[in-house]
Amino acid sequence: MSASHTASRSEFISAIVLAAGGSTRMGRPKLAMPVAGTPMVRRAAQAALQSRCREVVVVLGTHADVYRPLLDSLPVRVVENPDPTEGMGSSIRIGVEAVSADADGLVLMLADQPFVTPEVIDHLIHVAHSDRRRIVASAYAGTVGPPAYFDRALFLELLTLEGDRGARSVIEAYPKEGVALALPEGIAVDIDTGEDLRLLDA
């Protein structure tokens, strides 16, 4: 094992799982719905826990009372967005505020992407370290976004997000700092509607 690889493994990377949305298109708390037998919010947290991330922060909001029990027994830090209707930017801010002061970087995840694996998360971290990139985002469906790695140098940018400005706005603001990795087909699928779930079961 190379010295550089050893150093990268010793770095403190946090994971933030965003799970504060209102599931308006689903019409019910979608992250409680199972994919392969596990509620989506728990599945996302487990993927983060099984990765190289040293801590996992889960940001709850609209359906916190439903989702919190689904995280029982998992060693995650649960924080709550008191006003999730403000938009994704507010949930990202609350998540970044909750990560350890020792964090060298973080991986931002969406709980409604149930096929993001520990290997996908670790690959983002590996590319960030090996290519010395401050941002490593995922490319899919003609766009870039989470899961995405951000170096500590960009935490302030994440902490100043407002309204519906999400991680993508930070990614686009620093094109020379980042790289986009194409996710394998199907990995980035997000579940927004009952039809999305039915297609998974088909």
N, C-alpha and C. Protein backbone atom coordinates (compact mmCIF):
# COMPACT_ATOMS: atom_id res chain seq x y z
N MET A 1 0.85 -1.21 0.00
CA MET A 1 0.00 0.00 0.00
C MET A 1 0.88 1.24 0.00
N SER A 2 0.57 2.19 -0.83
CA SER A 2 1.40 3.38 -0.93
C SER A 2 1.18 4.28 0.27
N ALA A 3 2.17 5.12 0.53
CA ALA A 3 2.06 6.05 1.65
C ALA A 3 0.90 7.00 1.46
N SER A 4 0.70 7.46 0.21
CA SER A 4 -0.38 8.41 -0.06
C SER A 4 -1.73 7.77 0.19
N HIS A 5 -1.83 6.47 -0.18
CA HIS A 5 -3.12 5.80 0.03
C HIS A 5 -3.38 5.62 1.53
N THR A 6 -2.29 5.30 2.27
CA THR A 6 -2.45 5.16 3.72
C THR A 6 -2.91 6.47 4.34
N ALA A 7 -2.33 7.58 3.86
CA ALA A 7 -2.71 8.88 4.40
C ALA A 7 -4.17 9.19 4.11
N SER A 8 -4.61 8.86 2.90
CA SER A 8 -5.98 9.17 2.54
C SER A 8 -6.96 8.38 3.40
N ARG A 9 -6.60 7.16 3.74
CA ARG A 9 -7.49 6.34 4.57
C ARG A 9 -7.60 6.89 5.98
N SER A 10 -6.56 7.63 6.44
CA SER A 10 -6.59 8.15 7.80
C SER A 10 -7.38 9.45 7.89
N GLU A 11 -7.73 10.03 6.75
CA GLU A 11 -8.48 11.28 6.79
C GLU A 11 -9.90 11.04 7.31
N PHE A 12 -10.43 12.06 7.94
CA PHE A 12 -11.75 11.99 8.56
C PHE A 12 -12.78 12.53 7.57
N ILE A 13 -13.55 11.62 6.99
CA ILE A 13 -14.60 12.01 6.04
C ILE A 13 -15.96 11.75 6.69
N SER A 14 -16.84 12.73 6.60
CA SER A 14 -18.20 12.60 7.12
C SER A 14 -19.16 12.33 5.96
N ALA A 15 -20.28 11.73 6.29
CA ALA A 15 -21.37 11.58 5.32
C ALA A 15 -22.59 12.33 5.85
N ILE A 16 -23.25 13.04 4.95
CA ILE A 16 -24.52 13.70 5.29
C ILE A 16 -25.60 13.10 4.41
N VAL A 17 -26.62 12.52 5.04
CA VAL A 17 -27.74 11.93 4.32
C VAL A 17 -28.93 12.88 4.44
N LEU A 18 -29.37 13.43 3.33
CA LEU A 18 -30.50 14.37 3.34
C LEU A 18 -31.82 13.61 3.26
N ALA A 19 -32.64 13.79 4.30
CA ALA A 19 -33.90 13.05 4.39
C ALA A 19 -35.00 13.93 4.98
N ALA A 20 -34.99 15.22 4.61
CA ALA A 20 -35.89 16.20 5.24
C ALA A 20 -37.09 16.58 4.38
N GLY A 21 -37.13 16.09 3.14
CA GLY A 21 -38.17 16.54 2.21
C GLY A 21 -39.57 16.08 2.59
N GLY A 22 -40.54 16.70 1.94
CA GLY A 22 -41.94 16.44 2.28
C GLY A 22 -42.60 15.33 1.51
N SER A 23 -41.88 14.70 0.56
CA SER A 23 -42.44 13.61 -0.25
C SER A 23 -43.75 14.01 -0.92
N THR A 24 -43.83 15.26 -1.39
CA THR A 24 -45.09 15.77 -1.92
C THR A 24 -45.55 14.99 -3.15
N ARG A 25 -44.61 14.57 -3.99
CA ARG A 25 -45.00 13.83 -5.20
C ARG A 25 -45.46 12.41 -4.88
N MET A 26 -44.93 11.85 -3.80
CA MET A 26 -45.34 10.51 -3.41
C MET A 26 -46.68 10.54 -2.68
N GLY A 27 -46.92 11.62 -1.92
CA GLY A 27 -48.17 11.72 -1.17
C GLY A 27 -48.14 11.05 0.17
N ARG A 28 -47.01 10.49 0.56
CA ARG A 28 -46.82 9.86 1.87
C ARG A 28 -45.31 9.82 2.14
N PRO A 29 -44.92 9.53 3.38
CA PRO A 29 -43.48 9.57 3.70
C PRO A 29 -42.70 8.49 2.93
N LYS A 30 -42.13 8.88 1.81
CA LYS A 30 -41.57 7.88 0.89
C LYS A 30 -40.35 7.17 1.45
N LEU A 31 -39.58 7.85 2.31
CA LEU A 31 -38.33 7.23 2.77
C LEU A 31 -38.57 6.12 3.78
N ALA A 32 -39.83 5.95 4.21
CA ALA A 32 -40.19 4.81 5.06
C ALA A 32 -40.51 3.58 4.21
N MET A 33 -40.65 3.78 2.92
CA MET A 33 -41.03 2.68 2.04
C MET A 33 -39.81 1.81 1.74
N PRO A 34 -40.01 0.49 1.72
CA PRO A 34 -38.87 -0.40 1.57
C PRO A 34 -38.41 -0.57 0.13
N VAL A 35 -37.11 -0.67 -0.03
CA VAL A 35 -36.49 -1.10 -1.28
C VAL A 35 -35.63 -2.30 -0.91
N ALA A 36 -35.89 -3.43 -1.54
CA ALA A 36 -35.21 -4.69 -1.19
C ALA A 36 -35.34 -4.99 0.30
N GLY A 37 -36.52 -4.66 0.85
CA GLY A 37 -36.83 -5.03 2.22
C GLY A 37 -36.38 -4.06 3.30
N THR A 38 -35.72 -2.97 2.91
CA THR A 38 -35.21 -2.01 3.91
C THR A 38 -35.74 -0.62 3.60
N PRO A 39 -36.30 0.09 4.61
CA PRO A 39 -36.78 1.46 4.36
C PRO A 39 -35.67 2.31 3.75
N MET A 40 -36.04 3.16 2.82
CA MET A 40 -35.03 3.91 2.07
C MET A 40 -34.11 4.73 2.96
N VAL A 41 -34.66 5.37 4.01
CA VAL A 41 -33.82 6.21 4.86
C VAL A 41 -32.78 5.37 5.59
N ARG A 42 -33.16 4.18 6.04
CA ARG A 42 -32.22 3.30 6.73
C ARG A 42 -31.20 2.73 5.74
N ARG A 43 -31.65 2.43 4.55
CA ARG A 43 -30.77 1.88 3.52
C ARG A 43 -29.66 2.86 3.17
N ALA A 44 -30.01 4.14 3.03
CA ALA A 44 -29.00 5.16 2.72
C ALA A 44 -28.01 5.31 3.87
N ALA A 45 -28.52 5.32 5.10
CA ALA A 45 -27.64 5.45 6.25
C ALA A 45 -26.70 4.25 6.36
N GLN A 46 -27.20 3.06 6.09
CA GLN A 46 -26.37 1.87 6.15
C GLN A 46 -25.26 1.91 5.10
N ALA A 47 -25.58 2.38 3.91
CA ALA A 47 -24.56 2.48 2.86
C ALA A 47 -23.44 3.41 3.31
N ALA A 48 -23.80 4.52 3.93
CA ALA A 48 -22.80 5.47 4.41
C ALA A 48 -21.96 4.86 5.53
N LEU A 49 -22.62 4.12 6.43
CA LEU A 49 -21.90 3.51 7.55
C LEU A 49 -20.92 2.44 7.09
N GLN A 50 -21.24 1.78 5.99
CA GLN A 50 -20.39 0.70 5.49
C GLN A 50 -19.26 1.23 4.59
N SER A 51 -19.25 2.53 4.38
CA SER A 51 -18.22 3.15 3.53
C SER A 51 -17.04 3.59 4.39
N ARG A 52 -16.09 4.29 3.78
CA ARG A 52 -14.93 4.80 4.51
C ARG A 52 -15.26 6.02 5.36
N CYS A 53 -16.46 6.53 5.28
CA CYS A 53 -16.83 7.68 6.09
C CYS A 53 -16.76 7.32 7.58
N ARG A 54 -16.24 8.24 8.36
CA ARG A 54 -16.02 7.98 9.78
C ARG A 54 -17.23 8.35 10.65
N GLU A 55 -18.13 9.15 10.10
CA GLU A 55 -19.36 9.48 10.83
C GLU A 55 -20.47 9.71 9.81
N VAL A 56 -21.70 9.52 10.26
CA VAL A 56 -22.86 9.70 9.38
C VAL A 56 -23.87 10.61 10.08
N VAL A 57 -24.21 11.70 9.41
CA VAL A 57 -25.22 12.64 9.90
C VAL A 57 -26.45 12.50 9.01
N VAL A 58 -27.62 12.29 9.62
CA VAL A 58 -28.87 12.19 8.86
C VAL A 58 -29.72 13.41 9.19
N VAL A 59 -30.10 14.15 8.16
CA VAL A 59 -30.91 15.36 8.36
C VAL A 59 -32.37 15.02 8.08
N LEU A 60 -33.17 15.08 9.14
CA LEU A 60 -34.61 14.83 9.01
C LEU A 60 -35.36 16.17 9.01
N GLY A 61 -36.65 16.09 8.66
CA GLY A 61 -37.44 17.32 8.61
C GLY A 61 -38.92 17.02 8.68
N THR A 62 -39.59 17.10 7.54
CA THR A 62 -41.04 17.02 7.50
C THR A 62 -41.61 15.78 8.18
N HIS A 63 -41.02 14.62 7.92
CA HIS A 63 -41.55 13.37 8.48
C HIS A 63 -40.60 12.78 9.53
N ALA A 64 -39.99 13.65 10.31
CA ALA A 64 -38.98 13.19 11.28
C ALA A 64 -39.55 12.15 12.24
N ASP A 65 -40.81 12.33 12.66
CA ASP A 65 -41.39 11.38 13.62
C ASP A 65 -41.55 9.99 13.02
N VAL A 66 -41.69 9.91 11.70
CA VAL A 66 -41.81 8.62 11.02
C VAL A 66 -40.43 8.00 10.79
N TYR A 67 -39.47 8.82 10.39
CA TYR A 67 -38.17 8.31 9.98
C TYR A 67 -37.23 8.01 11.15
N ARG A 68 -37.33 8.78 12.22
CA ARG A 68 -36.39 8.61 13.33
C ARG A 68 -36.37 7.17 13.87
N PRO A 69 -37.54 6.55 14.11
CA PRO A 69 -37.51 5.17 14.61
C PRO A 69 -36.89 4.18 13.63
N LEU A 70 -36.92 4.51 12.34
CA LEU A 70 -36.37 3.60 11.33
C LEU A 70 -34.84 3.59 11.36
N LEU A 71 -34.25 4.54 12.09
CA LEU A 71 -32.80 4.61 12.22
C LEU A 71 -32.31 4.03 13.55
N ASP A 72 -33.25 3.50 14.34
CA ASP A 72 -32.89 2.93 15.63
C ASP A 72 -31.78 1.90 15.47
N SER A 73 -30.85 1.91 16.40
CA SER A 73 -29.73 0.97 16.51
C SER A 73 -28.59 1.30 15.55
N LEU A 74 -28.78 2.27 14.67
CA LEU A 74 -27.68 2.66 13.78
C LEU A 74 -26.85 3.76 14.45
N PRO A 75 -25.52 3.67 14.38
CA PRO A 75 -24.67 4.69 15.01
C PRO A 75 -24.55 5.94 14.15
N VAL A 76 -25.67 6.63 14.00
CA VAL A 76 -25.71 7.86 13.20
C VAL A 76 -26.10 9.02 14.10
N ARG A 77 -25.75 10.23 13.67
CA ARG A 77 -26.17 11.45 14.36
C ARG A 77 -27.37 12.01 13.62
N VAL A 78 -28.49 12.08 14.29
CA VAL A 78 -29.71 12.58 13.67
C VAL A 78 -29.91 14.04 14.07
N VAL A 79 -30.07 14.90 13.06
CA VAL A 79 -30.37 16.31 13.31
C VAL A 79 -31.64 16.65 12.55
N GLU A 80 -32.29 17.71 12.98
CA GLU A 80 -33.59 18.03 12.38
C GLU A 80 -33.60 19.45 11.83
N ASN A 81 -34.13 19.57 10.62
CA ASN A 81 -34.34 20.87 10.00
C ASN A 81 -35.70 21.39 10.44
N PRO A 82 -35.74 22.48 11.23
CA PRO A 82 -37.03 22.96 11.73
C PRO A 82 -37.91 23.58 10.65
N ASP A 83 -37.32 23.92 9.51
CA ASP A 83 -38.11 24.53 8.44
C ASP A 83 -37.68 23.97 7.09
N PRO A 84 -37.98 22.69 6.84
CA PRO A 84 -37.54 22.07 5.58
C PRO A 84 -38.18 22.67 4.35
N THR A 85 -39.30 23.40 4.51
CA THR A 85 -39.93 24.03 3.35
C THR A 85 -39.06 25.15 2.78
N GLU A 86 -38.04 25.58 3.52
CA GLU A 86 -37.13 26.61 3.02
C GLU A 86 -36.34 26.11 1.81
N GLY A 87 -36.21 24.78 1.71
CA GLY A 87 -35.50 24.21 0.55
C GLY A 87 -34.30 23.38 0.97
N MET A 88 -33.72 22.71 -0.03
CA MET A 88 -32.62 21.80 0.24
C MET A 88 -31.41 22.51 0.84
N GLY A 89 -31.19 23.77 0.45
CA GLY A 89 -30.05 24.50 0.99
C GLY A 89 -30.04 24.54 2.50
N SER A 90 -31.22 24.68 3.10
CA SER A 90 -31.28 24.75 4.57
C SER A 90 -30.90 23.42 5.19
N SER A 91 -31.28 22.31 4.56
CA SER A 91 -30.94 20.99 5.10
C SER A 91 -29.44 20.73 4.97
N ILE A 92 -28.86 21.17 3.87
CA ILE A 92 -27.40 21.01 3.71
C ILE A 92 -26.68 21.81 4.79
N ARG A 93 -27.12 23.04 5.03
CA ARG A 93 -26.49 23.87 6.07
C ARG A 93 -26.52 23.17 7.42
N ILE A 94 -27.67 22.64 7.78
CA ILE A 94 -27.82 21.99 9.09
C ILE A 94 -26.94 20.75 9.18
N GLY A 95 -26.84 20.03 8.08
CA GLY A 95 -25.98 18.85 8.05
C GLY A 95 -24.52 19.21 8.22
N VAL A 96 -24.07 20.24 7.49
CA VAL A 96 -22.66 20.64 7.58
C VAL A 96 -22.34 21.17 8.98
N GLU A 97 -23.28 21.90 9.58
CA GLU A 97 -23.08 22.40 10.94
C GLU A 97 -22.89 21.26 11.94
N ALA A 98 -23.46 20.09 11.63
CA ALA A 98 -23.45 18.97 12.57
C ALA A 98 -22.24 18.07 12.43
N VAL A 99 -21.48 18.20 11.35
CA VAL A 99 -20.35 17.29 11.18
C VAL A 99 -19.23 17.65 12.16
N SER A 100 -18.39 16.68 12.40
CA SER A 100 -17.30 16.85 13.36
C SER A 100 -16.36 17.97 12.94
N ALA A 101 -15.79 18.64 13.92
CA ALA A 101 -14.79 19.67 13.66
C ALA A 101 -13.53 19.07 13.05
N ASP A 102 -13.37 17.76 13.17
CA ASP A 102 -12.20 17.08 12.62
C ASP A 102 -12.38 16.71 11.15
N ALA A 103 -13.56 16.94 10.59
CA ALA A 103 -13.84 16.47 9.23
C ALA A 103 -12.94 17.15 8.21
N ASP A 104 -12.27 16.35 7.39
CA ASP A 104 -11.44 16.86 6.29
C ASP A 104 -12.25 17.04 5.01
N GLY A 105 -13.41 16.38 4.96
CA GLY A 105 -14.28 16.45 3.80
C GLY A 105 -15.58 15.76 4.12
N LEU A 106 -16.53 15.83 3.21
CA LEU A 106 -17.81 15.16 3.43
C LEU A 106 -18.36 14.64 2.11
N VAL A 107 -19.21 13.63 2.25
CA VAL A 107 -19.95 13.12 1.10
C VAL A 107 -21.43 13.42 1.34
N LEU A 108 -22.01 14.16 0.41
CA LEU A 108 -23.42 14.54 0.50
C LEU A 108 -24.25 13.52 -0.26
N MET A 109 -25.26 12.95 0.42
CA MET A 109 -26.09 11.91 -0.17
C MET A 109 -27.56 12.28 -0.08
N LEU A 110 -28.35 11.74 -1.00
CA LEU A 110 -29.80 11.89 -0.98
C LEU A 110 -30.41 10.55 -0.56
N ALA A 111 -31.28 10.57 0.44
CA ALA A 111 -31.84 9.32 0.95
C ALA A 111 -32.76 8.64 -0.05
N ASP A 112 -33.21 9.37 -1.08
CA ASP A 112 -34.11 8.74 -2.06
C ASP A 112 -33.35 8.20 -3.27
N GLN A 113 -32.04 8.01 -3.12
CA GLN A 113 -31.23 7.30 -4.12
C GLN A 113 -30.81 5.95 -3.51
N PRO A 114 -31.71 4.97 -3.48
CA PRO A 114 -31.48 3.76 -2.68
C PRO A 114 -30.43 2.80 -3.25
N PHE A 115 -29.92 3.08 -4.44
CA PHE A 115 -28.95 2.14 -5.02
C PHE A 115 -27.51 2.65 -4.95
N VAL A 116 -27.32 3.75 -4.25
CA VAL A 116 -25.95 4.22 -4.00
C VAL A 116 -25.33 3.29 -2.96
N THR A 117 -24.22 2.68 -3.32
CA THR A 117 -23.58 1.66 -2.48
C THR A 117 -22.37 2.23 -1.74
N PRO A 118 -21.88 1.50 -0.73
CA PRO A 118 -20.64 1.92 -0.08
C PRO A 118 -19.49 2.06 -1.07
N GLU A 119 -19.46 1.20 -2.08
CA GLU A 119 -18.40 1.25 -3.09
C GLU A 119 -18.45 2.55 -3.89
N VAL A 120 -19.65 3.03 -4.21
CA VAL A 120 -19.79 4.30 -4.92
C VAL A 120 -19.25 5.45 -4.07
N ILE A 121 -19.61 5.45 -2.79
CA ILE A 121 -19.15 6.49 -1.87
C ILE A 121 -17.63 6.47 -1.77
N ASP A 122 -17.07 5.27 -1.59
CA ASP A 122 -15.62 5.14 -1.45
C ASP A 122 -14.89 5.58 -2.72
N HIS A 123 -15.51 5.33 -3.87
CA HIS A 123 -14.87 5.72 -5.13
C HIS A 123 -14.78 7.25 -5.24
N LEU A 124 -15.81 7.94 -4.80
CA LEU A 124 -15.78 9.41 -4.79
C LEU A 124 -14.62 9.90 -3.94
N ILE A 125 -14.47 9.32 -2.75
CA ILE A 125 -13.41 9.72 -1.83
C ILE A 125 -12.04 9.41 -2.43
N HIS A 126 -11.92 8.23 -3.02
CA HIS A 126 -10.64 7.82 -3.61
C HIS A 126 -10.21 8.78 -4.73
N VAL A 127 -11.15 9.13 -5.59
CA VAL A 127 -10.83 10.04 -6.70
C VAL A 127 -10.46 11.42 -6.16
N ALA A 128 -11.17 11.87 -5.13
CA ALA A 128 -10.85 13.17 -4.54
C ALA A 128 -9.41 13.21 -4.06
N HIS A 129 -8.99 12.14 -3.42
CA HIS A 129 -7.63 12.11 -2.87
C HIS A 129 -6.58 11.87 -3.96
N SER A 130 -6.83 10.92 -4.83
CA SER A 130 -5.82 10.56 -5.83
C SER A 130 -5.64 11.66 -6.87
N ASP A 131 -6.74 12.37 -7.21
CA ASP A 131 -6.66 13.44 -8.20
C ASP A 131 -6.54 14.83 -7.57
N ARG A 132 -6.49 14.85 -6.23
CA ARG A 132 -6.41 16.13 -5.50
C ARG A 132 -7.51 17.09 -5.92
N ARG A 133 -8.71 16.59 -5.88
CA ARG A 133 -9.88 17.40 -6.25
C ARG A 133 -10.66 17.80 -5.00
N ARG A 134 -11.15 19.03 -5.00
CA ARG A 134 -11.95 19.48 -3.86
C ARG A 134 -13.42 19.11 -4.00
N ILE A 135 -13.85 18.79 -5.22
CA ILE A 135 -15.22 18.35 -5.46
C ILE A 135 -15.18 17.14 -6.38
N VAL A 136 -15.88 16.08 -6.01
CA VAL A 136 -16.09 14.96 -6.91
C VAL A 136 -17.58 14.66 -6.90
N ALA A 137 -18.26 14.99 -7.99
CA ALA A 137 -19.71 14.83 -8.08
C ALA A 137 -20.05 13.64 -8.97
N SER A 138 -21.30 13.25 -8.93
CA SER A 138 -21.79 12.17 -9.78
C SER A 138 -22.50 12.76 -10.99
N ALA A 139 -22.27 12.16 -12.14
CA ALA A 139 -22.91 12.60 -13.38
C ALA A 139 -23.94 11.57 -13.80
N TYR A 140 -25.15 12.03 -14.06
CA TYR A 140 -26.23 11.14 -14.48
C TYR A 140 -27.36 11.97 -15.07
N ALA A 141 -28.07 11.38 -15.99
CA ALA A 141 -29.25 12.02 -16.57
C ALA A 141 -28.98 13.45 -17.04
N GLY A 142 -27.79 13.67 -17.61
CA GLY A 142 -27.48 14.98 -18.16
C GLY A 142 -27.18 16.06 -17.16
N THR A 143 -26.93 15.67 -15.90
CA THR A 143 -26.63 16.67 -14.88
C THR A 143 -25.58 16.14 -13.93
N VAL A 144 -25.16 16.96 -12.99
CA VAL A 144 -24.24 16.52 -11.94
C VAL A 144 -24.85 16.83 -10.58
N GLY A 145 -24.51 16.01 -9.59
CA GLY A 145 -25.07 16.22 -8.26
C GLY A 145 -24.67 15.12 -7.31
N PRO A 146 -25.40 14.99 -6.20
CA PRO A 146 -25.11 13.95 -5.22
C PRO A 146 -25.38 12.55 -5.79
N PRO A 147 -24.68 11.56 -5.21
CA PRO A 147 -23.70 11.70 -4.14
C PRO A 147 -22.48 12.48 -4.63
N ALA A 148 -21.98 13.33 -3.75
CA ALA A 148 -20.86 14.19 -4.13
C ALA A 148 -19.95 14.43 -2.93
N TYR A 149 -18.66 14.47 -3.22
CA TYR A 149 -17.66 14.74 -2.19
C TYR A 149 -17.27 16.22 -2.22
N PHE A 150 -17.13 16.82 -1.02
CA PHE A 150 -16.68 18.19 -0.90
C PHE A 150 -15.55 18.26 0.13
N ASP A 151 -14.46 18.90 -0.26
CA ASP A 151 -13.36 19.13 0.65
C ASP A 151 -13.75 20.18 1.70
N ARG A 152 -13.06 20.12 2.84
CA ARG A 152 -13.35 21.07 3.92
C ARG A 152 -13.25 22.53 3.45
N ALA A 153 -12.40 22.79 2.47
CA ALA A 153 -12.23 24.16 1.98
C ALA A 153 -13.53 24.75 1.43
N LEU A 154 -14.49 23.87 1.10
CA LEU A 154 -15.76 24.34 0.53
C LEU A 154 -16.92 24.28 1.53
N PHE A 155 -16.62 23.94 2.78
CA PHE A 155 -17.70 23.87 3.77
C PHE A 155 -18.42 25.21 3.90
N LEU A 156 -17.66 26.31 3.87
CA LEU A 156 -18.28 27.63 4.02
C LEU A 156 -19.29 27.88 2.91
N GLU A 157 -18.95 27.45 1.69
CA GLU A 157 -19.90 27.60 0.57
C GLU A 157 -21.20 26.83 0.86
N LEU A 158 -21.07 25.62 1.40
CA LEU A 158 -22.25 24.82 1.72
C LEU A 158 -23.05 25.45 2.86
N LEU A 159 -22.35 26.09 3.79
CA LEU A 159 -23.01 26.70 4.94
C LEU A 159 -23.76 27.98 4.59
N THR A 160 -23.51 28.52 3.40
CA THR A 160 -24.19 29.77 3.01
C THR A 160 -25.27 29.53 1.95
N LEU A 161 -25.59 28.28 1.70
CA LEU A 161 -26.67 27.98 0.75
C LEU A 161 -28.00 28.44 1.31
N GLU A 162 -28.86 28.94 0.43
CA GLU A 162 -30.18 29.40 0.84
C GLU A 162 -31.23 28.87 -0.12
N GLY A 163 -32.44 28.70 0.41
CA GLY A 163 -33.58 28.29 -0.40
C GLY A 163 -33.35 26.97 -1.11
N ASP A 164 -33.70 26.92 -2.39
CA ASP A 164 -33.58 25.69 -3.15
C ASP A 164 -32.20 25.52 -3.78
N ARG A 165 -31.27 26.42 -3.46
CA ARG A 165 -29.91 26.26 -3.96
C ARG A 165 -29.28 25.07 -3.26
N GLY A 166 -29.04 24.02 -4.02
CA GLY A 166 -28.47 22.82 -3.46
C GLY A 166 -26.99 22.69 -3.78
N ALA A 167 -26.49 21.49 -3.62
CA ALA A 167 -25.07 21.23 -3.84
C ALA A 167 -24.66 21.53 -5.28
N ARG A 168 -25.59 21.38 -6.21
CA ARG A 168 -25.25 21.60 -7.62
C ARG A 168 -24.75 23.01 -7.87
N SER A 169 -25.28 23.97 -7.15
CA SER A 169 -24.86 25.36 -7.36
C SER A 169 -23.41 25.55 -6.93
N VAL A 170 -22.97 24.83 -5.90
CA VAL A 170 -21.56 24.91 -5.48
C VAL A 170 -20.68 24.20 -6.49
N ILE A 171 -21.14 23.06 -6.98
CA ILE A 171 -20.38 22.31 -7.99
C ILE A 171 -20.16 23.18 -9.23
N GLU A 172 -21.22 23.86 -9.66
CA GLU A 172 -21.14 24.66 -10.89
C GLU A 172 -20.32 25.95 -10.68
N ALA A 173 -20.23 26.40 -9.43
CA ALA A 173 -19.49 27.63 -9.15
C ALA A 173 -17.98 27.42 -9.16
N TYR A 174 -17.55 26.17 -9.03
CA TYR A 174 -16.12 25.88 -8.96
C TYR A 174 -15.74 24.79 -9.96
N PRO A 175 -15.92 25.05 -11.24
CA PRO A 175 -15.67 24.01 -12.24
C PRO A 175 -14.23 23.52 -12.28
N LYS A 176 -13.28 24.37 -11.92
CA LYS A 176 -11.87 23.96 -11.97
C LYS A 176 -11.46 23.14 -10.74
N GLU A 177 -12.30 23.16 -9.71
CA GLU A 177 -11.99 22.42 -8.48
C GLU A 177 -12.50 20.99 -8.53
N GLY A 178 -13.40 20.71 -9.48
CA GLY A 178 -14.11 19.44 -9.40
C GLY A 178 -13.97 18.54 -10.60
N VAL A 179 -14.50 17.36 -10.44
CA VAL A 179 -14.57 16.39 -11.52
C VAL A 179 -15.90 15.65 -11.36
N ALA A 180 -16.48 15.26 -12.49
CA ALA A 180 -17.75 14.53 -12.46
C ALA A 180 -17.50 13.09 -12.89
N LEU A 181 -18.01 12.15 -12.11
CA LEU A 181 -17.87 10.74 -12.41
C LEU A 181 -19.21 10.20 -12.88
N ALA A 182 -19.20 9.53 -14.01
CA ALA A 182 -20.45 8.94 -14.52
C ALA A 182 -20.83 7.75 -13.64
N LEU A 183 -22.02 7.81 -13.07
CA LEU A 183 -22.50 6.68 -12.27
C LEU A 183 -23.02 5.59 -13.19
N PRO A 184 -22.80 4.32 -12.84
CA PRO A 184 -23.38 3.23 -13.63
C PRO A 184 -24.89 3.38 -13.72
N GLU A 185 -25.43 2.98 -14.84
CA GLU A 185 -26.88 3.12 -15.06
C GLU A 185 -27.66 2.46 -13.94
N GLY A 186 -28.64 3.18 -13.42
CA GLY A 186 -29.50 2.64 -12.37
C GLY A 186 -29.08 3.02 -10.97
N ILE A 187 -27.80 3.38 -10.77
CA ILE A 187 -27.32 3.70 -9.43
C ILE A 187 -27.95 4.99 -8.91
N ALA A 188 -28.09 5.97 -9.79
CA ALA A 188 -28.56 7.29 -9.36
C ALA A 188 -30.08 7.42 -9.37
N VAL A 189 -30.79 6.34 -9.63
CA VAL A 189 -32.25 6.40 -9.66
C VAL A 189 -32.77 6.99 -8.35
N ASP A 190 -33.60 8.02 -8.45
CA ASP A 190 -34.24 8.53 -7.25
C ASP A 190 -35.73 8.21 -7.30
N ILE A 191 -36.27 7.94 -6.12
CA ILE A 191 -37.66 7.50 -6.00
C ILE A 191 -38.51 8.68 -5.57
N ASP A 192 -39.35 9.18 -6.49
CA ASP A 192 -40.19 10.33 -6.18
C ASP A 192 -41.68 10.00 -6.15
N THR A 193 -42.08 8.97 -6.88
CA THR A 193 -43.50 8.67 -7.02
C THR A 193 -43.77 7.19 -6.80
N GLY A 194 -45.04 6.87 -6.61
CA GLY A 194 -45.42 5.47 -6.49
C GLY A 194 -45.09 4.69 -7.74
N GLU A 195 -45.15 5.36 -8.88
CA GLU A 195 -44.82 4.69 -10.15
C GLU A 195 -43.34 4.29 -10.18
N ASP A 196 -42.48 5.15 -9.62
CA ASP A 196 -41.06 4.81 -9.55
C ASP A 196 -40.86 3.51 -8.78
N LEU A 197 -41.58 3.37 -7.66
CA LEU A 197 -41.46 2.15 -6.87
C LEU A 197 -42.00 0.94 -7.61
N ARG A 198 -43.12 1.13 -8.30
CA ARG A 198 -43.72 0.01 -9.04
C ARG A 198 -42.77 -0.46 -10.14
N LEU A 199 -42.08 0.48 -10.78
CA LEU A 199 -41.13 0.09 -11.82
C LEU A 199 -39.98 -0.72 -11.24
N LEU A 200 -39.57 -0.40 -10.01
CA LEU A 200 -38.51 -1.17 -9.37
C LEU A 200 -38.95 -2.60 -9.14
N ASP A 201 -40.22 -2.77 -8.77
CA ASP A 201 -40.74 -4.10 -8.44
C ASP A 201 -41.14 -4.90 -9.66
N ALA A 202 -41.19 -4.20 -10.82
CA ALA A 202 -41.65 -4.87 -12.04
C ALA A 202 -40.68 -5.97 -12.48
